[in-house]
Amino acid sequence: MATQAYCFKCRTKRNITNMRATKLKNGRPATQGTCPVCSTKVFRIGKA
């Protein structure tokens, strides 16, 4: 199953494309990518 994040432009949950793992300043893991419909950046805190 693909990882999903909330897209604020589409106002719905979408699968993340161009996914990459990042780390926040406090050390927590996060996932960043783009919305496949509108190409807006989406961000999800937590493991992918």
Protein backbone atom coordinates (compact mmCIF):
# COMPACT_ATOMS: atom_id res chain seq x y z
CA MET A 1 0.00 0.00 0.00
CA ALA A 2 1.29 3.46 -0.89
CA THR A 3 1.86 6.08 1.78
CA GLN A 4 -0.78 8.79 1.88
CA ALA A 5 -0.68 12.39 3.01
CA TYR A 6 -3.28 15.17 3.13
CA CYS A 7 -3.11 17.58 0.19
CA PHE A 8 -4.27 21.03 1.25
CA LYS A 9 -4.96 22.13 -2.32
CA CYS A 10 -7.14 19.09 -3.22
CA ARG A 11 -8.51 18.88 0.35
CA THR A 12 -8.26 15.09 0.42
CA LYS A 13 -5.76 12.34 1.17
CA ARG A 14 -3.58 11.37 -1.80
CA ASN A 15 -0.82 8.85 -2.44
CA ILE A 16 2.62 10.45 -2.25
CA THR A 17 4.72 10.50 -5.43
CA ASN A 18 8.46 11.30 -5.55
CA MET A 19 8.67 10.18 -1.92
CA ARG A 20 11.81 10.81 0.10
CA ALA A 21 12.55 10.26 3.77
CA THR A 22 13.57 13.29 5.80
CA LYS A 23 14.25 14.03 9.44
CA LEU A 24 12.86 16.95 11.44
CA LYS A 25 15.04 19.17 13.63
CA ASN A 26 13.98 17.25 16.72
CA GLY A 27 14.99 13.92 15.13
CA ARG A 28 11.53 12.59 14.24
CA PRO A 29 11.23 10.84 10.86
CA ALA A 30 9.06 12.33 8.12
CA THR A 31 8.13 11.73 4.49
CA GLN A 32 8.02 14.44 1.85
CA GLY A 33 6.79 14.26 -1.74
CA THR A 34 4.28 15.64 -4.21
CA CYS A 35 0.57 15.21 -4.89
CA PRO A 36 0.00 13.21 -8.11
CA VAL A 37 -3.04 15.33 -9.09
CA CYS A 38 -1.97 18.95 -8.51
CA SER A 39 1.83 18.62 -7.95
CA THR A 40 1.68 20.41 -4.59
CA LYS A 41 4.23 19.46 -1.93
CA VAL A 42 2.80 17.10 0.69
CA PHE A 43 4.38 16.18 4.00
CA ARG A 44 3.70 13.41 6.50
CA ILE A 45 5.29 13.14 9.94
CA GLY A 46 6.17 9.60 11.02
CA LYS A 47 7.66 6.51 9.44
CA ALA A 48 6.82 5.72 5.83
